[in-house]
Amino acid sequence: MTEEWHRGEFEISTDPARVDLPVVHAFLRTEAYWSPGVPMDVVRRSIGGSIVFGVYRGEEQVGFTRVVSDKATFAWICDVFVLDAYRGQGLGKWLMECVVAHPELQGLRRWMLATRDAHGLYKQSGFTELHDPARLMERWDPEIYRRGDT
């Protein structure tokens, strides 16, 4: 089910058909510190396995995030961005408000995300540092896109 929110000249939509894949791919491949060099096919597959939230000004995509979730107990927020030209207008905060308000993501026991520099933004939506970091583990390969193992 597609959800939509409107604020002034902007709209947030969960319709995956509206995602401007070249815009999302270009940002993730060249501007995002977390996914340099990510191949288009990986972005396409990641969108297909997620609830997507596109931020639009008319038909132009100006922001994005996606949520990977079982819709019962857990959600992982990924690939959050607002294009440079649209930052400073509260779109990132609004995007996060829409994500945590999504009807299919209510009653979850745990939400997670990773950030290097946007802690203040996420704290406004109720995120905190890890309760017990010793319980979490990861298998991390930051060079995977450079090697072409995708």
Protein backbone atom coordinates (compact mmCIF):
# COMPACT_ATOMS: atom_id res chain seq x y z
CA MET A 1 0.00 0.00 0.00
CA THR A 2 1.43 3.36 -1.02
CA GLU A 3 1.55 6.12 1.58
CA GLU A 4 1.91 9.82 0.80
CA TRP A 5 2.56 12.92 2.86
CA HIS A 6 2.45 16.53 1.66
CA ARG A 7 4.09 19.69 2.98
CA GLY A 8 4.08 22.85 0.89
CA GLU A 9 5.62 22.13 -2.50
CA PHE A 10 7.08 18.79 -1.33
CA GLU A 11 5.70 15.27 -1.18
CA ILE A 12 6.97 12.05 0.35
CA SER A 13 5.77 8.85 -1.29
CA THR A 14 6.40 5.16 -0.71
CA ASP A 15 5.57 4.32 -4.32
CA PRO A 16 8.62 2.42 -5.64
CA ALA A 17 7.58 3.21 -9.23
CA ARG A 18 8.26 6.91 -8.56
CA VAL A 19 11.86 6.41 -7.46
CA ASP A 20 14.23 8.08 -9.92
CA LEU A 21 16.79 5.29 -9.96
CA PRO A 22 19.50 7.30 -11.75
CA VAL A 23 19.24 10.09 -9.14
CA VAL A 24 19.38 7.67 -6.21
CA HIS A 25 22.20 5.66 -7.77
CA ALA A 26 24.25 8.76 -8.60
CA PHE A 27 23.99 10.06 -5.05
CA LEU A 28 24.81 6.73 -3.43
CA ARG A 29 27.66 5.97 -5.85
CA THR A 30 29.39 9.35 -5.83
CA GLU A 31 28.27 11.41 -2.82
CA ALA A 32 27.39 9.04 0.02
CA TYR A 33 30.32 8.10 2.25
CA TRP A 34 28.72 4.73 3.00
CA SER A 35 28.40 3.39 -0.55
CA PRO A 36 31.12 4.72 -2.88
CA GLY A 37 31.04 2.98 -6.22
CA VAL A 38 27.86 1.00 -5.55
CA PRO A 39 26.67 -0.60 -8.80
CA MET A 40 23.29 0.29 -10.28
CA ASP A 41 22.09 -3.31 -10.00
CA VAL A 42 22.80 -3.35 -6.26
CA VAL A 43 20.78 -0.13 -5.78
CA ARG A 44 17.93 -1.57 -7.87
CA ARG A 45 17.87 -4.79 -5.80
CA SER A 46 18.07 -2.87 -2.51
CA ILE A 47 15.04 -0.79 -3.49
CA GLY A 48 13.15 -3.94 -4.48
CA GLY A 49 13.68 -5.42 -1.01
CA SER A 50 12.73 -2.33 0.96
CA ILE A 51 9.97 0.09 1.80
CA VAL A 52 11.10 3.21 -0.06
CA PHE A 53 10.46 6.83 0.85
CA GLY A 54 11.08 9.31 -1.95
CA VAL A 55 11.03 13.06 -1.36
CA TYR A 56 9.75 14.95 -4.39
CA ARG A 57 9.34 18.52 -5.51
CA GLY A 58 6.84 18.03 -8.31
CA GLU A 59 8.31 15.21 -10.38
CA GLU A 60 11.90 15.88 -9.26
CA GLN A 61 13.34 13.51 -6.67
CA VAL A 62 15.19 15.52 -4.01
CA GLY A 63 15.58 12.98 -1.22
CA PHE A 64 15.33 9.31 -0.38
CA THR A 65 15.54 6.63 2.24
CA ARG A 66 14.59 3.02 2.48
CA VAL A 67 13.63 0.69 5.31
CA VAL A 68 14.38 -3.01 5.47
CA SER A 69 11.91 -4.65 7.83
CA ASP A 70 10.00 -7.78 8.72
CA LYS A 71 7.14 -5.37 9.63
CA ALA A 72 6.70 -7.18 12.94
CA THR A 73 9.78 -6.77 15.14
CA PHE A 74 12.64 -4.98 13.38
CA ALA A 75 13.49 -2.19 10.93
CA TRP A 76 16.80 -0.96 9.51
CA ILE A 77 16.85 2.53 8.00
CA CYS A 78 19.29 2.88 5.10
CA ASP A 79 20.51 5.33 2.48
CA VAL A 80 19.01 8.51 3.92
CA PHE A 81 19.77 11.61 1.89
CA VAL A 82 18.47 14.99 0.77
CA LEU A 83 20.19 16.57 -2.22
CA ASP A 84 22.47 19.51 -1.36
CA ALA A 85 20.26 22.11 -3.05
CA TYR A 86 17.34 21.15 -0.78
CA ARG A 87 19.10 20.82 2.58
CA GLY A 88 18.32 23.22 5.39
CA GLN A 89 14.56 23.14 4.75
CA GLY A 90 13.66 20.49 7.32
CA LEU A 91 13.17 17.78 4.70
CA GLY A 92 15.42 15.25 6.46
CA LYS A 93 13.55 15.70 9.74
CA TRP A 94 10.20 15.41 7.96
CA LEU A 95 11.40 12.32 6.09
CA MET A 96 12.28 10.63 9.37
CA GLU A 97 8.92 11.63 10.88
CA CYS A 98 7.18 9.94 7.94
CA VAL A 99 9.34 6.82 8.25
CA VAL A 100 8.56 6.26 11.93
CA ALA A 101 4.86 7.05 11.33
CA HIS A 102 4.45 4.53 8.48
CA PRO A 103 1.47 2.27 9.36
CA GLU A 104 3.31 -0.96 8.51
CA LEU A 105 6.19 -0.06 10.82
CA GLN A 106 4.29 0.39 14.06
CA GLY A 107 4.89 -1.71 17.18
CA LEU A 108 8.41 -2.76 16.23
CA ARG A 109 10.71 -3.77 19.07
CA ARG A 110 13.89 -2.44 17.48
CA TRP A 111 14.79 0.16 14.86
CA MET A 112 18.38 0.59 13.78
CA LEU A 113 20.46 2.78 11.53
CA ALA A 114 24.08 3.76 11.08
CA THR A 115 25.41 7.30 10.76
CA ARG A 116 28.74 9.04 10.88
CA ASP A 117 27.52 12.60 11.24
CA ALA A 118 23.73 12.97 11.58
CA HIS A 119 23.17 11.90 15.18
CA GLY A 120 21.28 15.11 15.96
CA LEU A 121 18.78 14.49 13.17
CA TYR A 122 18.03 10.95 14.28
CA LYS A 123 17.80 11.83 17.97
CA GLN A 124 14.84 14.06 17.04
CA SER A 125 13.04 10.87 15.96
CA GLY A 126 13.85 8.98 19.17
CA PHE A 127 17.09 7.24 18.21
CA THR A 128 19.87 6.90 20.78
CA GLU A 129 23.28 5.30 20.96
CA LEU A 130 23.19 1.52 21.29
CA HIS A 131 21.71 0.26 24.54
CA ASP A 132 24.17 -2.64 24.71
CA PRO A 133 26.78 -2.47 21.94
CA ALA A 134 28.42 -5.69 23.13
CA ARG A 135 25.37 -7.63 21.90
CA LEU A 136 25.62 -6.50 18.31
CA MET A 137 27.99 -7.90 15.75
CA GLU A 138 28.59 -7.19 12.10
CA ARG A 139 30.18 -8.65 9.05
CA TRP A 140 31.50 -5.62 7.17
CA ASP A 141 33.21 -5.41 3.80
CA PRO A 142 33.75 -1.75 2.85
CA GLU A 143 35.67 -2.67 -0.32
CA ILE A 144 33.04 -4.93 -1.90
CA TYR A 145 31.98 -2.43 -4.59
CA ARG A 146 35.56 -1.68 -5.55
CA ARG A 147 36.30 -5.39 -6.00
CA GLY A 148 33.12 -6.02 -7.97
CA ASP A 149 31.90 -8.86 -5.75
CA THR A 150 28.29 -7.80 -6.06
